[in-house]
Amino acid sequence: GAGAPGAGASRDPDRDPDGDAAFWDIVAGL
């Protein structure tokens, strides 16, 4: 629930301004 745009954010226009980028890093890395 605390997502911020990480490595995979370019695929998704819905950016989260705050939170832990590490979460989105693992989403992209999976």
PDB file of all heavy atoms in Angstrom:
ATOM      1  N   GLY A   1       0.795  -1.207   0.000  1.00  0.00           N
ATOM      2  CA  GLY A   1       0.000   0.000   0.000  1.00  0.00           C
ATOM      3  C   GLY A   1       0.826   1.253   0.000  1.00  0.00           C
ATOM      4  O   GLY A   1       0.275   2.354   0.035  1.00  0.00           O
ATOM      5  N   ALA A   2       2.141   1.125  -0.036  1.00  0.00           N
ATOM      6  CA  ALA A   2       2.990   2.304   0.064  1.00  0.00           C
ATOM      7  C   ALA A   2       3.860   2.457  -1.160  1.00  0.00           C
ATOM      8  O   ALA A   2       4.979   2.904  -1.089  1.00  0.00           O
ATOM      9  CB  ALA A   2       3.870   2.209   1.313  1.00  0.00           C
ATOM     10  N   GLY A   3       3.318   2.039  -2.322  1.00  0.00           N
ATOM     11  CA  GLY A   3       4.132   1.982  -3.518  1.00  0.00           C
ATOM     12  C   GLY A   3       4.513   3.340  -4.055  1.00  0.00           C
ATOM     13  O   GLY A   3       3.730   4.271  -4.061  1.00  0.00           O
ATOM     14  N   ALA A   4       5.730   3.430  -4.549  1.00  0.00           N
ATOM     15  CA  ALA A   4       6.187   4.585  -5.308  1.00  0.00           C
ATOM     16  C   ALA A   4       6.772   4.075  -6.592  1.00  0.00           C
ATOM     17  O   ALA A   4       7.178   2.919  -6.685  1.00  0.00           O
ATOM     18  CB  ALA A   4       7.244   5.361  -4.510  1.00  0.00           C
ATOM     19  N   PRO A   5       6.828   4.890  -7.637  1.00  0.00           N
ATOM     20  CA  PRO A   5       7.303   4.394  -8.921  1.00  0.00           C
ATOM     21  C   PRO A   5       8.751   3.962  -8.865  1.00  0.00           C
ATOM     22  O   PRO A   5       9.629   4.746  -8.527  1.00  0.00           O
ATOM     23  CB  PRO A   5       7.114   5.592  -9.856  1.00  0.00           C
ATOM     24  CG  PRO A   5       7.073   6.772  -8.956  1.00  0.00           C
ATOM     25  CD  PRO A   5       6.477   6.300  -7.678  1.00  0.00           C
ATOM     26  N   GLY A   6       8.991   2.700  -9.190  1.00  0.00           N
ATOM     27  CA  GLY A   6      10.343   2.184  -9.229  1.00  0.00           C
ATOM     28  C   GLY A   6      10.733   1.890 -10.655  1.00  0.00           C
ATOM     29  O   GLY A   6      10.340   2.570 -11.579  1.00  0.00           O
ATOM     30  N   ALA A   7      11.476   0.781 -10.830  1.00  0.00           N
ATOM     31  CA  ALA A   7      11.997   0.476 -12.162  1.00  0.00           C
ATOM     32  C   ALA A   7      10.897   0.177 -13.153  1.00  0.00           C
ATOM     33  O   ALA A   7      11.065   0.364 -14.343  1.00  0.00           O
ATOM     34  CB  ALA A   7      12.961  -0.714 -12.075  1.00  0.00           C
ATOM     35  N   GLY A   8       9.733  -0.304 -12.693  1.00  0.00           N
ATOM     36  CA  GLY A   8       8.667  -0.654 -13.622  1.00  0.00           C
ATOM     37  C   GLY A   8       7.664   0.448 -13.822  1.00  0.00           C
ATOM     38  O   GLY A   8       6.658   0.243 -14.482  1.00  0.00           O
ATOM     39  N   ALA A   9       7.905   1.648 -13.298  1.00  0.00           N
ATOM     40  CA  ALA A   9       6.890   2.681 -13.349  1.00  0.00           C
ATOM     41  C   ALA A   9       6.623   3.187 -14.745  1.00  0.00           C
ATOM     42  O   ALA A   9       5.547   3.701 -15.016  1.00  0.00           O
ATOM     43  CB  ALA A   9       7.308   3.852 -12.457  1.00  0.00           C
ATOM     44  N   SER A  10       7.570   3.061 -15.659  1.00  0.00           N
ATOM     45  CA  SER A  10       7.364   3.585 -16.993  1.00  0.00           C
ATOM     46  C   SER A  10       6.242   2.862 -17.720  1.00  0.00           C
ATOM     47  O   SER A  10       5.677   3.378 -18.665  1.00  0.00           O
ATOM     48  CB  SER A  10       8.651   3.473 -17.808  1.00  0.00           C
ATOM     49  OG  SER A  10       9.047   2.111 -17.916  1.00  0.00           O
ATOM     50  N   ARG A  11       5.897   1.650 -17.286  1.00  0.00           N
ATOM     51  CA  ARG A  11       4.820   0.911 -17.924  1.00  0.00           C
ATOM     52  C   ARG A  11       3.463   1.426 -17.489  1.00  0.00           C
ATOM     53  O   ARG A  11       2.451   1.060 -18.045  1.00  0.00           O
ATOM     54  CB  ARG A  11       4.919  -0.574 -17.581  1.00  0.00           C
ATOM     55  CG  ARG A  11       6.148  -1.247 -18.151  1.00  0.00           C
ATOM     56  CD  ARG A  11       5.993  -2.728 -18.149  1.00  0.00           C
ATOM     57  NE  ARG A  11       5.698  -3.260 -16.825  1.00  0.00           N
ATOM     58  CZ  ARG A  11       5.325  -4.511 -16.616  1.00  0.00           C
ATOM     59  NH1 ARG A  11       5.180  -5.311 -17.619  1.00  0.00           N
ATOM     60  NH2 ARG A  11       5.097  -4.951 -15.398  1.00  0.00           N
ATOM     61  N   ASP A  12       3.375   2.216 -16.464  1.00  0.00           N
ATOM     62  CA  ASP A  12       2.113   2.556 -15.840  1.00  0.00           C
ATOM     63  C   ASP A  12       2.022   4.057 -15.613  1.00  0.00           C
ATOM     64  O   ASP A  12       2.855   4.632 -14.921  1.00  0.00           O
ATOM     65  CB  ASP A  12       2.018   1.821 -14.493  1.00  0.00           C
ATOM     66  CG  ASP A  12       0.595   1.797 -13.961  1.00  0.00           C
ATOM     67  OD1 ASP A  12      -0.132   2.774 -14.194  1.00  0.00           O
ATOM     68  OD2 ASP A  12       0.238   0.803 -13.322  1.00  0.00           O
ATOM     69  N   PRO A  13       0.991   4.711 -16.176  1.00  0.00           N
ATOM     70  CA  PRO A  13       0.885   6.155 -15.999  1.00  0.00           C
ATOM     71  C   PRO A  13       0.414   6.570 -14.625  1.00  0.00           C
ATOM     72  O   PRO A  13       0.462   7.739 -14.274  1.00  0.00           O
ATOM     73  CB  PRO A  13      -0.156   6.538 -17.071  1.00  0.00           C
ATOM     74  CG  PRO A  13      -1.006   5.314 -17.205  1.00  0.00           C
ATOM     75  CD  PRO A  13      -0.065   4.161 -17.025  1.00  0.00           C
ATOM     76  N   ASP A  14      -0.064   5.617 -13.826  1.00  0.00           N
ATOM     77  CA  ASP A  14      -0.624   5.937 -12.514  1.00  0.00           C
ATOM     78  C   ASP A  14       0.496   5.992 -11.494  1.00  0.00           C
ATOM     79  O   ASP A  14       0.831   5.010 -10.854  1.00  0.00           O
ATOM     80  CB  ASP A  14      -1.656   4.874 -12.144  1.00  0.00           C
ATOM     81  CG  ASP A  14      -2.462   5.263 -10.915  1.00  0.00           C
ATOM     82  OD1 ASP A  14      -2.232   6.369 -10.393  1.00  0.00           O
ATOM     83  OD2 ASP A  14      -3.303   4.460 -10.512  1.00  0.00           O
ATOM     84  N   ARG A  15       1.139   7.150 -11.307  1.00  0.00           N
ATOM     85  CA  ARG A  15       2.299   7.285 -10.431  1.00  0.00           C
ATOM     86  C   ARG A  15       1.868   7.518  -8.990  1.00  0.00           C
ATOM     87  O   ARG A  15       0.920   8.249  -8.714  1.00  0.00           O
ATOM     88  CB  ARG A  15       3.163   8.460 -10.890  1.00  0.00           C
ATOM     89  CG  ARG A  15       3.716   8.307 -12.304  1.00  0.00           C
ATOM     90  CD  ARG A  15       4.762   7.206 -12.346  1.00  0.00           C
ATOM     91  NE  ARG A  15       5.429   7.167 -13.647  1.00  0.00           N
ATOM     92  CZ  ARG A  15       6.682   7.535 -13.824  1.00  0.00           C
ATOM     93  NH1 ARG A  15       7.411   7.955 -12.825  1.00  0.00           N
ATOM     94  NH2 ARG A  15       7.227   7.457 -15.013  1.00  0.00           N
ATOM     95  N   ASP A  16       2.603   6.924  -8.067  1.00  0.00           N
ATOM     96  CA  ASP A  16       2.408   7.176  -6.646  1.00  0.00           C
ATOM     97  C   ASP A  16       3.504   8.118  -6.175  1.00  0.00           C
ATOM     98  O   ASP A  16       4.687   7.796  -6.275  1.00  0.00           O
ATOM     99  CB  ASP A  16       2.490   5.864  -5.852  1.00  0.00           C
ATOM    100  CG  ASP A  16       1.327   4.952  -6.157  1.00  0.00           C
ATOM    101  OD1 ASP A  16       0.204   5.460  -6.237  1.00  0.00           O
ATOM    102  OD2 ASP A  16       1.560   3.741  -6.309  1.00  0.00           O
ATOM    103  N   PRO A  17       3.157   9.274  -5.635  1.00  0.00           N
ATOM    104  CA  PRO A  17       4.169  10.259  -5.281  1.00  0.00           C
ATOM    105  C   PRO A  17       4.975   9.920  -4.051  1.00  0.00           C
ATOM    106  O   PRO A  17       6.068  10.439  -3.855  1.00  0.00           O
ATOM    107  CB  PRO A  17       3.343  11.527  -5.065  1.00  0.00           C
ATOM    108  CG  PRO A  17       2.001  11.024  -4.637  1.00  0.00           C
ATOM    109  CD  PRO A  17       1.788   9.749  -5.402  1.00  0.00           C
ATOM    110  N   ASP A  18       4.430   9.067  -3.185  1.00  0.00           N
ATOM    111  CA  ASP A  18       5.117   8.781  -1.926  1.00  0.00           C
ATOM    112  C   ASP A  18       5.258   7.281  -1.744  1.00  0.00           C
ATOM    113  O   ASP A  18       4.592   6.491  -2.370  1.00  0.00           O
ATOM    114  CB  ASP A  18       4.328   9.353  -0.731  1.00  0.00           C
ATOM    115  CG  ASP A  18       4.107  10.837  -0.884  1.00  0.00           C
ATOM    116  OD1 ASP A  18       5.106  11.561  -1.023  1.00  0.00           O
ATOM    117  OD2 ASP A  18       2.942  11.269  -0.885  1.00  0.00           O
ATOM    118  N   GLY A  19       6.118   6.874  -0.823  1.00  0.00           N
ATOM    119  CA  GLY A  19       6.201   5.470  -0.449  1.00  0.00           C
ATOM    120  C   GLY A  19       7.575   4.879  -0.699  1.00  0.00           C
ATOM    121  O   GLY A  19       8.553   5.570  -0.889  1.00  0.00           O
ATOM    122  N   ASP A  20       7.606   3.546  -0.715  1.00  0.00           N
ATOM    123  CA  ASP A  20       8.847   2.786  -0.776  1.00  0.00           C
ATOM    124  C   ASP A  20       9.084   2.293  -2.187  1.00  0.00           C
ATOM    125  O   ASP A  20       8.402   1.402  -2.686  1.00  0.00           O
ATOM    126  CB  ASP A  20       8.747   1.610   0.203  1.00  0.00           C
ATOM    127  CG  ASP A  20      10.042   0.838   0.292  1.00  0.00           C
ATOM    128  OD1 ASP A  20      10.997   1.213  -0.407  1.00  0.00           O
ATOM    129  OD2 ASP A  20      10.081  -0.130   1.057  1.00  0.00           O
ATOM    130  N   ALA A  21      10.076   2.856  -2.867  1.00  0.00           N
ATOM    131  CA  ALA A  21      10.362   2.466  -4.246  1.00  0.00           C
ATOM    132  C   ALA A  21      10.812   1.019  -4.335  1.00  0.00           C
ATOM    133  O   ALA A  21      10.701   0.401  -5.387  1.00  0.00           O
ATOM    134  CB  ALA A  21      11.426   3.385  -4.837  1.00  0.00           C
ATOM    135  N   ALA A  22      11.324   0.456  -3.258  1.00  0.00           N
ATOM    136  CA  ALA A  22      11.801  -0.936  -3.290  1.00  0.00           C
ATOM    137  C   ALA A  22      10.682  -1.900  -3.648  1.00  0.00           C
ATOM    138  O   ALA A  22      10.909  -2.919  -4.296  1.00  0.00           O
ATOM    139  CB  ALA A  22      12.405  -1.306  -1.938  1.00  0.00           C
ATOM    140  N   PHE A  23       9.460  -1.581  -3.228  1.00  0.00           N
ATOM    141  CA  PHE A  23       8.330  -2.449  -3.546  1.00  0.00           C
ATOM    142  C   PHE A  23       8.152  -2.549  -5.054  1.00  0.00           C
ATOM    143  O   PHE A  23       7.993  -3.629  -5.615  1.00  0.00           O
ATOM    144  CB  PHE A  23       7.055  -1.912  -2.905  1.00  0.00           C
ATOM    145  CG  PHE A  23       5.816  -2.661  -3.312  1.00  0.00           C
ATOM    146  CD1 PHE A  23       5.546  -3.897  -2.779  1.00  0.00           C
ATOM    147  CD2 PHE A  23       4.952  -2.116  -4.244  1.00  0.00           C
ATOM    148  CE1 PHE A  23       4.416  -4.589  -3.166  1.00  0.00           C
ATOM    149  CE2 PHE A  23       3.819  -2.805  -4.634  1.00  0.00           C
ATOM    150  CZ  PHE A  23       3.547  -4.043  -4.087  1.00  0.00           C
ATOM    151  N   TRP A  24       8.228  -1.415  -5.746  1.00  0.00           N
ATOM    152  CA  TRP A  24       8.030  -1.429  -7.191  1.00  0.00           C
ATOM    153  C   TRP A  24       9.259  -1.986  -7.902  1.00  0.00           C
ATOM    154  O   TRP A  24       9.147  -2.509  -9.010  1.00  0.00           O
ATOM    155  CB  TRP A  24       7.679  -0.031  -7.683  1.00  0.00           C
ATOM    156  CG  TRP A  24       6.371   0.398  -7.077  1.00  0.00           C
ATOM    157  CD1 TRP A  24       6.181   1.351  -6.124  1.00  0.00           C
ATOM    158  CD2 TRP A  24       5.092  -0.172  -7.331  1.00  0.00           C
ATOM    159  NE1 TRP A  24       4.851   1.411  -5.783  1.00  0.00           N
ATOM    160  CE2 TRP A  24       4.160   0.502  -6.497  1.00  0.00           C
ATOM    161  CE3 TRP A  24       4.633  -1.186  -8.172  1.00  0.00           C
ATOM    162  CZ2 TRP A  24       2.802   0.201  -6.502  1.00  0.00           C
ATOM    163  CZ3 TRP A  24       3.271  -1.490  -8.171  1.00  0.00           C
ATOM    164  CH2 TRP A  24       2.381  -0.803  -7.346  1.00  0.00           C
ATOM    165  N   ASP A  25      10.415  -1.900  -7.265  1.00  0.00           N
ATOM    166  CA  ASP A  25      11.597  -2.533  -7.834  1.00  0.00           C
ATOM    167  C   ASP A  25      11.397  -4.045  -7.929  1.00  0.00           C
ATOM    168  O   ASP A  25      11.757  -4.672  -8.915  1.00  0.00           O
ATOM    169  CB  ASP A  25      12.841  -2.236  -6.974  1.00  0.00           C
ATOM    170  CG  ASP A  25      13.314  -0.808  -7.130  1.00  0.00           C
ATOM    171  OD1 ASP A  25      12.941  -0.168  -8.136  1.00  0.00           O
ATOM    172  OD2 ASP A  25      14.045  -0.332  -6.244  1.00  0.00           O
ATOM    173  N   ILE A  26      10.822  -4.633  -6.882  1.00  0.00           N
ATOM    174  CA  ILE A  26      10.646  -6.084  -6.915  1.00  0.00           C
ATOM    175  C   ILE A  26       9.543  -6.468  -7.879  1.00  0.00           C
ATOM    176  O   ILE A  26       9.612  -7.504  -8.544  1.00  0.00           O
ATOM    177  CB  ILE A  26      10.371  -6.659  -5.510  1.00  0.00           C
ATOM    178  CG1 ILE A  26      10.555  -8.181  -5.539  1.00  0.00           C
ATOM    179  CG2 ILE A  26       8.992  -6.317  -5.016  1.00  0.00           C
ATOM    180  CD1 ILE A  26      10.540  -8.817  -4.185  1.00  0.00           C
ATOM    181  N   VAL A  27       8.513  -5.630  -8.029  1.00  0.00           N
ATOM    182  CA  VAL A  27       7.479  -5.908  -9.015  1.00  0.00           C
ATOM    183  C   VAL A  27       8.094  -5.954 -10.404  1.00  0.00           C
ATOM    184  O   VAL A  27       7.836  -6.860 -11.202  1.00  0.00           O
ATOM    185  CB  VAL A  27       6.362  -4.846  -8.952  1.00  0.00           C
ATOM    186  CG1 VAL A  27       5.402  -5.017 -10.123  1.00  0.00           C
ATOM    187  CG2 VAL A  27       5.598  -4.953  -7.644  1.00  0.00           C
ATOM    188  N   ALA A  28       8.954  -4.963 -10.711  1.00  0.00           N
ATOM    189  CA  ALA A  28       9.608  -4.939 -12.018  1.00  0.00           C
ATOM    190  C   ALA A  28      10.561  -6.118 -12.171  1.00  0.00           C
ATOM    191  O   ALA A  28      10.666  -6.717 -13.235  1.00  0.00           O
ATOM    192  CB  ALA A  28      10.361  -3.623 -12.196  1.00  0.00           C
ATOM    193  N   GLY A  29      11.253  -6.470 -11.099  1.00  0.00           N
ATOM    194  CA  GLY A  29      12.242  -7.529 -11.174  1.00  0.00           C
ATOM    195  C   GLY A  29      11.663  -8.918 -11.283  1.00  0.00           C
ATOM    196  O   GLY A  29      12.332  -9.842 -11.718  1.00  0.00           O
ATOM    197  N   LEU A  30      10.399  -9.093 -10.888  1.00  0.00           N
ATOM    198  CA  LEU A  30       9.808 -10.414 -10.945  1.00  0.00           C
ATOM    199  C   LEU A  30       9.612 -10.901 -12.370  1.00  0.00           C
ATOM    200  O   LEU A  30       9.556 -12.092 -12.628  1.00  0.00           O
ATOM    201  CB  LEU A  30       8.444 -10.408 -10.226  1.00  0.00           C
ATOM    202  CG  LEU A  30       8.504 -10.490  -8.703  1.00  0.00           C
ATOM    203  CD1 LEU A  30       7.126 -10.310  -8.115  1.00  0.00           C
ATOM    204  CD2 LEU A  30       9.104 -11.799  -8.244  1.00  0.00           C
TER     205      LEU A  30
END
